[in-house]
Amino acid sequence: MSDWLRALEGTEAGHDLALALALAAAVLHALFGALQKGRHDPWLSRAAIDATYGLIALPFALFVVPWPEPHLWPIFGGVFLIHAGYKLLQAACYDRGAFTVVYPVVRGTGPLVTVVLSGLVFGEHFAPGQWLGVACLSGGILGFAVWNLAHVQQGRETMVPALWLAAATGVLVAAYTTFDAYGIRATADPFTFLAWFFVIDSLLMPALTFRRWRGLGVAGVLPLLQRGLLGAFTAYASFGSIMLATRLDKVGEAAVLRETSTLFAALIGWWVLGEKVGRVQIALMMAIAAGAVMVEMLG
C-alpha cells in the first residue's frame, strides 16, 4: 500500500485520488462532529474517541509500521502542541458561543489561512479563479455563522469573545493542516506518521477529563466507550484521508475541499434530523458547493 501511494505522488491519478480522499474526509468530518454532540458531554465524548483511537493505533505504531526516522520526533512534538492548542481553543469558544455560530467561523477561517500557509511552506500557487472559489466557499460557510447569529438568542452576552476565539481556532486548523502535511511528507512511509499521529494526539483529552471519568460509574462509561469506538474508526477514515490527500497533491486544495464538511453537516441536519432549511441556507449551500467546484476546475 505504501509503495503504491508513493508511486501516485505528483501524478494525475494521485490528484484524482487526493480529490476523492478530501471529499470523503469532508463527509466523515461532518459525521465525526455529530458524534461529539448529543446527550453526552462533548468533551467526555472527545476523550473517549481519542483514548480509543490511541489504544487501537498503539500496537500498529509499535509492531506493524516501520519505526519513525529520528527527525520525525521533533515533528511529533509540534503535532502534539498544535493539536492541543486547537482543542483547548475549540473548547473555549464552544463554552462561550452557540455551536451553530462558532463552528462555521472555525471552518470558514481555516481554508483561507491554509491556502496562504501552503503557499509559504510548500510553494503552492492558486490561480485567480481558484481564489474566487476559496472566497465563495469560505463566504458561504461564514454566511451560515452570520445567519445563525441573527437567529440565536442564547448566550449572546458572550458571543463576541466566542467569535474571536473561533477565528483563532480556525487559524490553528490551518496551522495543524499545514504542519501535518509537512510531517506526513517528511517520512518514507505515510502510515508510520499516521499511526504515531493517532497515538500522540490521543494523550491530551483523556488526561484533562480523568477526574470526571472516575465519577461516572460503569453505567455512564459504557455508552461513552461505544461512542468512542465508533468515533475512532470515523477519525481514522476522516483524518487519515485528509492527511494522505495532502501528501498526494496540493495541501491548499485538499484543505478547501475538506471544509465542504459544513455543507454535508447541513445536509445531514436536513435529510436525517428533519431540520428546516430555508432559501437563505439553500443559497449558502450552493455557494459552498460552487466554491469547491471552482477550486477544483479552475486550477
C-alpha atoms as a PDB file:
ATOM      1  CA  MET A   1       0.000   0.000   0.000  1.00  0.00           C
ATOM      2  CA  SER A   2       2.780   2.462   0.918  1.00  0.00           C
ATOM      3  CA  ASP A   3       4.694   1.747  -2.302  1.00  0.00           C
ATOM      4  CA  TRP A   4       1.509   2.227  -4.330  1.00  0.00           C
ATOM      5  CA  LEU A   5       0.779   5.591  -2.683  1.00  0.00           C
ATOM      6  CA  ARG A   6       4.341   6.805  -3.193  1.00  0.00           C
ATOM      7  CA  ALA A   7       4.106   5.866  -6.876  1.00  0.00           C
ATOM      8  CA  LEU A   8       0.989   8.056  -7.231  1.00  0.00           C
ATOM      9  CA  GLU A   9       2.539  11.208  -5.758  1.00  0.00           C
ATOM     10  CA  GLY A  10       2.604  14.048  -8.269  1.00  0.00           C
ATOM     11  CA  THR A  11       0.637  12.119 -10.926  1.00  0.00           C
ATOM     12  CA  GLU A  12      -2.798  12.721 -12.424  1.00  0.00           C
ATOM     13  CA  ALA A  13      -4.044   9.541 -10.744  1.00  0.00           C
ATOM     14  CA  GLY A  14      -2.669  10.847  -7.449  1.00  0.00           C
ATOM     15  CA  HIS A  15      -4.546  14.119  -7.971  1.00  0.00           C
ATOM     16  CA  ASP A  16      -7.806  12.233  -8.581  1.00  0.00           C
ATOM     17  CA  LEU A  17      -7.273  10.053  -5.517  1.00  0.00           C
ATOM     18  CA  ALA A  18      -6.482  13.132  -3.393  1.00  0.00           C
ATOM     19  CA  LEU A  19      -9.742  14.726  -4.572  1.00  0.00           C
ATOM     20  CA  ALA A  20     -11.713  11.631  -3.591  1.00  0.00           C
ATOM     21  CA  LEU A  21      -9.953  11.427  -0.219  1.00  0.00           C
ATOM     22  CA  ALA A  22     -10.584  15.113   0.552  1.00  0.00           C
ATOM     23  CA  LEU A  23     -14.296  14.805  -0.232  1.00  0.00           C
ATOM     24  CA  ALA A  24     -14.535  11.602   1.807  1.00  0.00           C
ATOM     25  CA  ALA A  25     -12.839  13.437   4.675  1.00  0.00           C
ATOM     26  CA  ALA A  26     -15.469  16.197   4.397  1.00  0.00           C
ATOM     27  CA  VAL A  27     -18.381  13.757   4.752  1.00  0.00           C
ATOM     28  CA  LEU A  28     -16.683  11.864   7.572  1.00  0.00           C
ATOM     29  CA  HIS A  29     -15.693  15.066   9.371  1.00  0.00           C
ATOM     30  CA  ALA A  30     -19.359  16.083   9.471  1.00  0.00           C
ATOM     31  CA  LEU A  31     -20.193  12.686  10.984  1.00  0.00           C
ATOM     32  CA  PHE A  32     -17.297  12.998  13.440  1.00  0.00           C
ATOM     33  CA  GLY A  33     -18.641  16.345  14.630  1.00  0.00           C
ATOM     34  CA  ALA A  34     -22.094  14.850  15.094  1.00  0.00           C
ATOM     35  CA  LEU A  35     -20.639  12.080  17.284  1.00  0.00           C
ATOM     36  CA  GLN A  36     -19.351  14.684  19.752  1.00  0.00           C
ATOM     37  CA  LYS A  37     -22.834  16.131  20.205  1.00  0.00           C
ATOM     38  CA  GLY A  38     -25.935  14.596  21.707  1.00  0.00           C
ATOM     39  CA  ARG A  39     -26.794  13.612  25.276  1.00  0.00           C
ATOM     40  CA  HIS A  40     -23.167  13.107  26.355  1.00  0.00           C
ATOM     41  CA  ASP A  41     -20.780  15.841  27.449  1.00  0.00           C
ATOM     42  CA  PRO A  42     -18.947  16.705  24.196  1.00  0.00           C
ATOM     43  CA  TRP A  43     -15.533  16.736  25.878  1.00  0.00           C
ATOM     44  CA  LEU A  44     -16.061  13.364  27.542  1.00  0.00           C
ATOM     45  CA  SER A  45     -17.168  12.106  24.131  1.00  0.00           C
ATOM     46  CA  ARG A  46     -13.991  13.502  22.558  1.00  0.00           C
ATOM     47  CA  ALA A  47     -11.870  11.989  25.325  1.00  0.00           C
ATOM     48  CA  ALA A  48     -13.494   8.587  24.718  1.00  0.00           C
ATOM     49  CA  ILE A  49     -12.833   8.853  20.987  1.00  0.00           C
ATOM     50  CA  ASP A  50      -9.225   9.976  21.481  1.00  0.00           C
ATOM     51  CA  ALA A  51      -8.430   7.281  24.042  1.00  0.00           C
ATOM     52  CA  THR A  52      -9.929   4.589  21.826  1.00  0.00           C
ATOM     53  CA  TYR A  53      -8.122   5.559  18.641  1.00  0.00           C
ATOM     54  CA  GLY A  54      -4.860   5.900  20.568  1.00  0.00           C
ATOM     55  CA  LEU A  55      -5.126   2.437  22.107  1.00  0.00           C
ATOM     56  CA  ILE A  56      -6.034   0.829  18.765  1.00  0.00           C
ATOM     57  CA  ALA A  57      -3.210   2.645  16.945  1.00  0.00           C
ATOM     58  CA  LEU A  58      -0.530   1.822  19.544  1.00  0.00           C
ATOM     59  CA  PRO A  59       0.191  -1.817  18.519  1.00  0.00           C
ATOM     60  CA  PHE A  60       0.302  -0.771  14.854  1.00  0.00           C
ATOM     61  CA  ALA A  61       2.759   2.005  15.712  1.00  0.00           C
ATOM     62  CA  LEU A  62       4.967  -0.328  17.750  1.00  0.00           C
ATOM     63  CA  PHE A  63       4.876  -3.536  15.734  1.00  0.00           C
ATOM     64  CA  VAL A  64       3.413  -3.079  12.230  1.00  0.00           C
ATOM     65  CA  VAL A  65       4.613   0.107  10.517  1.00  0.00           C
ATOM     66  CA  PRO A  66       8.308   0.984  10.103  1.00  0.00           C
ATOM     67  CA  TRP A  67       9.844   2.782  13.086  1.00  0.00           C
ATOM     68  CA  PRO A  68       9.889   6.616  12.742  1.00  0.00           C
ATOM     69  CA  GLU A  69      13.065   8.201  11.447  1.00  0.00           C
ATOM     70  CA  PRO A  70      14.892  10.271  14.148  1.00  0.00           C
ATOM     71  CA  HIS A  71      13.956  13.597  12.540  1.00  0.00           C
ATOM     72  CA  LEU A  72      10.245  12.800  12.985  1.00  0.00           C
ATOM     73  CA  TRP A  73      10.255  13.011  16.791  1.00  0.00           C
ATOM     74  CA  PRO A  74      10.521  16.827  16.958  1.00  0.00           C
ATOM     75  CA  ILE A  75       7.766  16.957  14.330  1.00  0.00           C
ATOM     76  CA  PHE A  76       5.571  14.756  16.519  1.00  0.00           C
ATOM     77  CA  GLY A  77       6.245  17.170  19.393  1.00  0.00           C
ATOM     78  CA  GLY A  78       4.984  20.021  17.210  1.00  0.00           C
ATOM     79  CA  VAL A  79       1.943  17.943  16.223  1.00  0.00           C
ATOM     80  CA  PHE A  80       1.028  17.440  19.883  1.00  0.00           C
ATOM     81  CA  LEU A  81       1.409  21.134  20.771  1.00  0.00           C
ATOM     82  CA  ILE A  82      -0.565  22.474  17.789  1.00  0.00           C
ATOM     83  CA  HIS A  83      -3.403  19.979  18.179  1.00  0.00           C
ATOM     84  CA  ALA A  84      -3.501  20.588  21.954  1.00  0.00           C
ATOM     85  CA  GLY A  85      -3.820  24.327  21.361  1.00  0.00           C
ATOM     86  CA  TYR A  86      -6.546  23.708  18.796  1.00  0.00           C
ATOM     87  CA  LYS A  87      -8.576  21.505  21.133  1.00  0.00           C
ATOM     88  CA  LEU A  88      -8.293  23.926  24.061  1.00  0.00           C
ATOM     89  CA  LEU A  89      -9.255  26.929  21.933  1.00  0.00           C
ATOM     90  CA  GLN A  90     -12.135  24.980  20.445  1.00  0.00           C
ATOM     91  CA  ALA A  91     -13.380  24.086  23.922  1.00  0.00           C
ATOM     92  CA  ALA A  92     -13.159  27.732  24.979  1.00  0.00           C
ATOM     93  CA  CYS A  93     -15.182  29.035  22.017  1.00  0.00           C
ATOM     94  CA  TYR A  94     -17.814  26.294  22.386  1.00  0.00           C
ATOM     95  CA  ASP A  95     -18.190  27.181  26.081  1.00  0.00           C
ATOM     96  CA  ARG A  96     -18.929  30.813  25.173  1.00  0.00           C
ATOM     97  CA  GLY A  97     -20.929  30.619  21.951  1.00  0.00           C
ATOM     98  CA  ALA A  98     -23.603  28.546  20.226  1.00  0.00           C
ATOM     99  CA  PHE A  99     -22.188  25.657  18.199  1.00  0.00           C
ATOM    100  CA  THR A 100     -24.117  26.676  15.075  1.00  0.00           C
ATOM    101  CA  VAL A 101     -22.461  30.120  15.177  1.00  0.00           C
ATOM    102  CA  VAL A 102     -18.860  29.387  16.158  1.00  0.00           C
ATOM    103  CA  TYR A 103     -18.370  26.156  14.159  1.00  0.00           C
ATOM    104  CA  PRO A 104     -18.835  27.843  10.738  1.00  0.00           C
ATOM    105  CA  VAL A 105     -16.395  30.596  11.771  1.00  0.00           C
ATOM    106  CA  VAL A 106     -13.773  27.967  12.642  1.00  0.00           C
ATOM    107  CA  ARG A 107     -14.266  26.053   9.410  1.00  0.00           C
ATOM    108  CA  GLY A 108     -14.620  29.168   7.238  1.00  0.00           C
ATOM    109  CA  THR A 109     -11.418  30.764   8.527  1.00  0.00           C
ATOM    110  CA  GLY A 110      -9.353  27.603   8.162  1.00  0.00           C
ATOM    111  CA  PRO A 111      -9.176  27.217   4.356  1.00  0.00           C
ATOM    112  CA  LEU A 112      -8.329  30.873   3.734  1.00  0.00           C
ATOM    113  CA  VAL A 113      -5.340  30.708   6.085  1.00  0.00           C
ATOM    114  CA  THR A 114      -4.298  27.227   4.896  1.00  0.00           C
ATOM    115  CA  VAL A 115      -4.061  28.388   1.279  1.00  0.00           C
ATOM    116  CA  VAL A 116      -1.750  31.220   2.384  1.00  0.00           C
ATOM    117  CA  LEU A 117       0.367  28.924   4.586  1.00  0.00           C
ATOM    118  CA  SER A 118       0.646  26.233   1.905  1.00  0.00           C
ATOM    119  CA  GLY A 119       1.970  28.881  -0.457  1.00  0.00           C
ATOM    120  CA  LEU A 120       4.601  29.967   2.079  1.00  0.00           C
ATOM    121  CA  VAL A 121       5.617  26.461   3.202  1.00  0.00           C
ATOM    122  CA  PHE A 122       5.206  24.353   0.061  1.00  0.00           C
ATOM    123  CA  GLY A 123       5.373  26.977  -2.685  1.00  0.00           C
ATOM    124  CA  GLU A 124       1.843  26.200  -3.888  1.00  0.00           C
ATOM    125  CA  HIS A 125       0.059  28.752  -6.065  1.00  0.00           C
ATOM    126  CA  PHE A 126      -3.649  29.210  -6.700  1.00  0.00           C
ATOM    127  CA  ALA A 127      -4.981  30.547  -9.991  1.00  0.00           C
ATOM    128  CA  PRO A 128      -7.239  33.653  -9.819  1.00  0.00           C
ATOM    129  CA  GLY A 129     -10.320  31.523 -10.439  1.00  0.00           C
ATOM    130  CA  GLN A 130      -9.358  29.255  -7.551  1.00  0.00           C
ATOM    131  CA  TRP A 131      -9.003  32.237  -5.213  1.00  0.00           C
ATOM    132  CA  LEU A 132     -12.516  33.257  -6.241  1.00  0.00           C
ATOM    133  CA  GLY A 133     -13.643  29.726  -5.393  1.00  0.00           C
ATOM    134  CA  VAL A 134     -11.969  29.902  -1.966  1.00  0.00           C
ATOM    135  CA  ALA A 135     -13.719  33.218  -1.304  1.00  0.00           C
ATOM    136  CA  CYS A 136     -17.041  31.758  -2.426  1.00  0.00           C
ATOM    137  CA  LEU A 137     -16.689  28.640  -0.258  1.00  0.00           C
ATOM    138  CA  SER A 138     -15.450  30.465   2.845  1.00  0.00           C
ATOM    139  CA  GLY A 139     -18.067  33.177   2.323  1.00  0.00           C
ATOM    140  CA  GLY A 140     -20.798  30.550   2.220  1.00  0.00           C
ATOM    141  CA  ILE A 141     -19.504  28.911   5.400  1.00  0.00           C
ATOM    142  CA  LEU A 142     -19.196  32.220   7.231  1.00  0.00           C
ATOM    143  CA  GLY A 143     -22.654  33.120   5.929  1.00  0.00           C
ATOM    144  CA  PHE A 144     -24.032  30.241   7.994  1.00  0.00           C
ATOM    145  CA  ALA A 145     -22.437  31.841  11.060  1.00  0.00           C
ATOM    146  CA  VAL A 146     -23.993  35.223  10.281  1.00  0.00           C
ATOM    147  CA  TRP A 147     -27.402  33.661   9.633  1.00  0.00           C
ATOM    148  CA  ASN A 148     -27.321  31.623  12.830  1.00  0.00           C
ATOM    149  CA  LEU A 149     -26.029  34.605  14.833  1.00  0.00           C
ATOM    150  CA  ALA A 150     -29.075  36.611  13.758  1.00  0.00           C
ATOM    151  CA  HIS A 151     -31.418  33.879  14.983  1.00  0.00           C
ATOM    152  CA  VAL A 152     -29.687  32.554  18.127  1.00  0.00           C
ATOM    153  CA  GLN A 153     -30.711  34.269  21.367  1.00  0.00           C
ATOM    154  CA  GLN A 154     -28.989  32.095  23.968  1.00  0.00           C
ATOM    155  CA  GLY A 155     -25.576  33.266  25.215  1.00  0.00           C
ATOM    156  CA  ARG A 156     -25.448  36.492  23.199  1.00  0.00           C
ATOM    157  CA  GLU A 157     -23.599  38.293  26.013  1.00  0.00           C
ATOM    158  CA  THR A 158     -20.532  36.083  25.434  1.00  0.00           C
ATOM    159  CA  MET A 159     -20.861  35.817  21.654  1.00  0.00           C
ATOM    160  CA  VAL A 160     -18.254  38.437  20.728  1.00  0.00           C
ATOM    161  CA  PRO A 161     -15.367  36.752  22.615  1.00  0.00           C
ATOM    162  CA  ALA A 162     -16.624  33.402  21.297  1.00  0.00           C
ATOM    163  CA  LEU A 163     -16.329  34.667  17.711  1.00  0.00           C
ATOM    164  CA  TRP A 164     -12.767  35.911  18.306  1.00  0.00           C
ATOM    165  CA  LEU A 165     -11.862  32.553  19.814  1.00  0.00           C
ATOM    166  CA  ALA A 166     -13.491  30.782  16.857  1.00  0.00           C
ATOM    167  CA  ALA A 167     -11.407  32.808  14.399  1.00  0.00           C
ATOM    168  CA  ALA A 168      -8.250  31.939  16.378  1.00  0.00           C
ATOM    169  CA  THR A 169      -9.292  28.273  16.330  1.00  0.00           C
ATOM    170  CA  GLY A 170      -9.652  28.498  12.549  1.00  0.00           C
ATOM    171  CA  VAL A 171      -6.070  29.777  12.331  1.00  0.00           C
ATOM    172  CA  LEU A 172      -4.925  26.738  14.320  1.00  0.00           C
ATOM    173  CA  VAL A 173      -6.923  24.465  11.984  1.00  0.00           C
ATOM    174  CA  ALA A 174      -4.840  25.931   9.170  1.00  0.00           C
ATOM    175  CA  ALA A 175      -1.667  25.525  11.247  1.00  0.00           C
ATOM    176  CA  TYR A 176      -2.245  21.850  12.028  1.00  0.00           C
ATOM    177  CA  THR A 177      -3.349  21.075   8.471  1.00  0.00           C
ATOM    178  CA  THR A 178      -0.136  22.585   7.111  1.00  0.00           C
ATOM    179  CA  PHE A 179       2.105  21.098   9.806  1.00  0.00           C
ATOM    180  CA  ASP A 180       0.550  17.632   9.500  1.00  0.00           C
ATOM    181  CA  ALA A 181       1.092  17.811   5.734  1.00  0.00           C
ATOM    182  CA  TYR A 182       4.742  18.700   6.361  1.00  0.00           C
ATOM    183  CA  GLY A 183       5.040  15.764   8.770  1.00  0.00           C
ATOM    184  CA  ILE A 184       3.458  13.137   6.548  1.00  0.00           C
ATOM    185  CA  ARG A 185       5.707  14.256   3.676  1.00  0.00           C
ATOM    186  CA  ALA A 186       8.803  14.026   5.903  1.00  0.00           C
ATOM    187  CA  THR A 187       8.650  10.234   6.322  1.00  0.00           C
ATOM    188  CA  ALA A 188       9.219   7.489   3.783  1.00  0.00           C
ATOM    189  CA  ASP A 189       6.136   5.563   4.883  1.00  0.00           C
ATOM    190  CA  PRO A 190       2.978   7.692   5.358  1.00  0.00           C
ATOM    191  CA  PHE A 191       1.414   5.047   7.601  1.00  0.00           C
ATOM    192  CA  THR A 192       4.265   5.476  10.090  1.00  0.00           C
ATOM    193  CA  PHE A 193       3.217   9.092  10.519  1.00  0.00           C
ATOM    194  CA  LEU A 194      -0.486   8.222  10.704  1.00  0.00           C
ATOM    195  CA  ALA A 195      -0.058   5.501  13.339  1.00  0.00           C
ATOM    196  CA  TRP A 196       2.096   7.666  15.613  1.00  0.00           C
ATOM    197  CA  PHE A 197      -0.102  10.700  14.980  1.00  0.00           C
ATOM    198  CA  PHE A 198      -3.126   8.934  16.461  1.00  0.00           C
ATOM    199  CA  VAL A 199      -1.107   7.667  19.440  1.00  0.00           C
ATOM    200  CA  ILE A 200       0.301  11.120  20.248  1.00  0.00           C
ATOM    201  CA  ASP A 201      -2.923  13.022  19.546  1.00  0.00           C
ATOM    202  CA  SER A 202      -4.825  10.729  21.930  1.00  0.00           C
ATOM    203  CA  LEU A 203      -2.952  11.818  25.051  1.00  0.00           C
ATOM    204  CA  LEU A 204      -4.428  15.212  25.931  1.00  0.00           C
ATOM    205  CA  MET A 205      -8.202  14.870  26.289  1.00  0.00           C
ATOM    206  CA  PRO A 206      -8.261  11.688  28.434  1.00  0.00           C
ATOM    207  CA  ALA A 207      -5.732  13.301  30.795  1.00  0.00           C
ATOM    208  CA  LEU A 208      -7.772  16.518  31.071  1.00  0.00           C
ATOM    209  CA  THR A 209     -11.028  14.684  31.793  1.00  0.00           C
ATOM    210  CA  PHE A 210      -9.650  11.885  34.009  1.00  0.00           C
ATOM    211  CA  ARG A 211     -11.275  13.090  37.238  1.00  0.00           C
ATOM    212  CA  ARG A 212     -14.680  13.403  35.597  1.00  0.00           C
ATOM    213  CA  TRP A 213     -14.436   9.849  34.250  1.00  0.00           C
ATOM    214  CA  ARG A 214     -13.860   8.480  37.747  1.00  0.00           C
ATOM    215  CA  GLY A 215     -17.257   9.754  38.880  1.00  0.00           C
ATOM    216  CA  LEU A 216     -19.324   8.299  36.035  1.00  0.00           C
ATOM    217  CA  GLY A 217     -19.595   4.662  37.131  1.00  0.00           C
ATOM    218  CA  VAL A 218     -19.990   1.676  34.817  1.00  0.00           C
ATOM    219  CA  ALA A 219     -23.438   2.751  33.598  1.00  0.00           C
ATOM    220  CA  GLY A 220     -22.073   6.112  32.497  1.00  0.00           C
ATOM    221  CA  VAL A 221     -18.841   4.826  30.972  1.00  0.00           C
ATOM    222  CA  LEU A 222     -20.196   2.076  28.698  1.00  0.00           C
ATOM    223  CA  PRO A 223     -22.238   4.339  26.351  1.00  0.00           C
ATOM    224  CA  LEU A 224     -19.250   6.653  26.022  1.00  0.00           C
ATOM    225  CA  LEU A 225     -16.972   3.732  25.167  1.00  0.00           C
ATOM    226  CA  GLN A 226     -19.394   2.650  22.444  1.00  0.00           C
ATOM    227  CA  ARG A 227     -19.344   6.166  21.017  1.00  0.00           C
ATOM    228  CA  GLY A 228     -15.567   6.203  21.369  1.00  0.00           C
ATOM    229  CA  LEU A 229     -15.198   3.057  19.282  1.00  0.00           C
ATOM    230  CA  LEU A 230     -17.427   4.381  16.504  1.00  0.00           C
ATOM    231  CA  GLY A 231     -15.704   7.756  16.624  1.00  0.00           C
ATOM    232  CA  ALA A 232     -12.252   6.172  16.498  1.00  0.00           C
ATOM    233  CA  PHE A 233     -12.878   4.437  13.186  1.00  0.00           C
ATOM    234  CA  THR A 234     -14.557   7.569  11.830  1.00  0.00           C
ATOM    235  CA  ALA A 235     -11.469   9.566  12.847  1.00  0.00           C
ATOM    236  CA  TYR A 236      -9.134   7.086  11.156  1.00  0.00           C
ATOM    237  CA  ALA A 237     -11.071   7.425   7.920  1.00  0.00           C
ATOM    238  CA  SER A 238     -11.591  11.203   8.169  1.00  0.00           C
ATOM    239  CA  PHE A 239      -8.229  12.490   9.393  1.00  0.00           C
ATOM    240  CA  GLY A 240      -6.344   9.704   7.649  1.00  0.00           C
ATOM    241  CA  SER A 241      -7.979  10.598   4.350  1.00  0.00           C
ATOM    242  CA  ILE A 242      -7.159  14.301   4.540  1.00  0.00           C
ATOM    243  CA  MET A 243      -3.558  13.680   5.565  1.00  0.00           C
ATOM    244  CA  LEU A 244      -2.998  11.205   2.720  1.00  0.00           C
ATOM    245  CA  ALA A 245      -4.607  13.723   0.344  1.00  0.00           C
ATOM    246  CA  THR A 246      -2.100  16.393   1.421  1.00  0.00           C
ATOM    247  CA  ARG A 247       0.763  14.002   0.681  1.00  0.00           C
ATOM    248  CA  LEU A 248      -0.547  13.058  -2.748  1.00  0.00           C
ATOM    249  CA  ASP A 249      -1.430  16.541  -4.009  1.00  0.00           C
ATOM    250  CA  LYS A 250      -1.747  20.223  -3.072  1.00  0.00           C
ATOM    251  CA  VAL A 251      -2.322  20.940   0.602  1.00  0.00           C
ATOM    252  CA  GLY A 252      -4.412  24.044  -0.104  1.00  0.00           C
ATOM    253  CA  GLU A 253      -6.818  22.288  -2.453  1.00  0.00           C
ATOM    254  CA  ALA A 254      -7.307  19.372  -0.063  1.00  0.00           C
ATOM    255  CA  ALA A 255      -7.960  21.758   2.833  1.00  0.00           C
ATOM    256  CA  VAL A 256     -10.532  23.764   0.890  1.00  0.00           C
ATOM    257  CA  LEU A 257     -12.402  20.650  -0.248  1.00  0.00           C
ATOM    258  CA  ARG A 258     -12.357  19.234   3.295  1.00  0.00           C
ATOM    259  CA  GLU A 259     -14.260  22.280   4.541  1.00  0.00           C
ATOM    260  CA  THR A 260     -17.256  21.295   2.444  1.00  0.00           C
ATOM    261  CA  SER A 261     -17.949  19.309   5.649  1.00  0.00           C
ATOM    262  CA  THR A 262     -20.125  22.294   6.636  1.00  0.00           C
ATOM    263  CA  LEU A 263     -22.265  21.620   3.556  1.00  0.00           C
ATOM    264  CA  PHE A 264     -22.560  17.929   4.389  1.00  0.00           C
ATOM    265  CA  ALA A 265     -23.375  18.728   8.026  1.00  0.00           C
ATOM    266  CA  ALA A 266     -26.221  20.979   6.869  1.00  0.00           C
ATOM    267  CA  LEU A 267     -27.482  18.270   4.508  1.00  0.00           C
ATOM    268  CA  ILE A 268     -27.353  15.678   7.299  1.00  0.00           C
ATOM    269  CA  GLY A 269     -29.336  18.024   9.542  1.00  0.00           C
ATOM    270  CA  TRP A 270     -31.966  18.475   6.848  1.00  0.00           C
ATOM    271  CA  TRP A 271     -32.179  14.923   5.495  1.00  0.00           C
ATOM    272  CA  VAL A 272     -31.548  12.808   8.605  1.00  0.00           C
ATOM    273  CA  LEU A 273     -32.573  15.051  11.510  1.00  0.00           C
ATOM    274  CA  GLY A 274     -35.516  16.753   9.810  1.00  0.00           C
ATOM    275  CA  GLU A 275     -34.231  20.288  10.399  1.00  0.00           C
ATOM    276  CA  LYS A 276     -35.885  23.053   8.404  1.00  0.00           C
ATOM    277  CA  VAL A 277     -33.866  24.567   5.564  1.00  0.00           C
ATOM    278  CA  GLY A 278     -34.933  27.912   4.131  1.00  0.00           C
ATOM    279  CA  ARG A 279     -33.978  29.767   0.968  1.00  0.00           C
ATOM    280  CA  VAL A 280     -31.018  31.520   2.616  1.00  0.00           C
ATOM    281  CA  GLN A 281     -29.498  28.248   3.801  1.00  0.00           C
ATOM    282  CA  ILE A 282     -30.005  26.682   0.369  1.00  0.00           C
ATOM    283  CA  ALA A 283     -28.258  29.653  -1.267  1.00  0.00           C
ATOM    284  CA  LEU A 284     -25.338  29.353   1.159  1.00  0.00           C
ATOM    285  CA  MET A 285     -25.024  25.615   0.497  1.00  0.00           C
ATOM    286  CA  MET A 286     -24.966  26.326  -3.234  1.00  0.00           C
ATOM    287  CA  ALA A 287     -22.205  28.920  -2.668  1.00  0.00           C
ATOM    288  CA  ILE A 288     -20.105  26.351  -0.770  1.00  0.00           C
ATOM    289  CA  ALA A 289     -20.605  23.730  -3.473  1.00  0.00           C
ATOM    290  CA  ALA A 290     -19.837  26.250  -6.240  1.00  0.00           C
ATOM    291  CA  GLY A 291     -16.670  27.361  -4.460  1.00  0.00           C
ATOM    292  CA  ALA A 292     -15.440  23.770  -4.175  1.00  0.00           C
ATOM    293  CA  VAL A 293     -16.102  23.159  -7.891  1.00  0.00           C
ATOM    294  CA  MET A 294     -14.233  26.345  -8.824  1.00  0.00           C
ATOM    295  CA  VAL A 295     -11.186  25.406  -6.760  1.00  0.00           C
ATOM    296  CA  GLU A 296     -11.047  22.027  -8.472  1.00  0.00           C
ATOM    297  CA  MET A 297     -11.901  23.041 -12.045  1.00  0.00           C
ATOM    298  CA  LEU A 298     -10.122  26.410 -12.402  1.00  0.00           C
ATOM    299  CA  GLY A 299      -6.649  25.311 -11.295  1.00  0.00           C
END
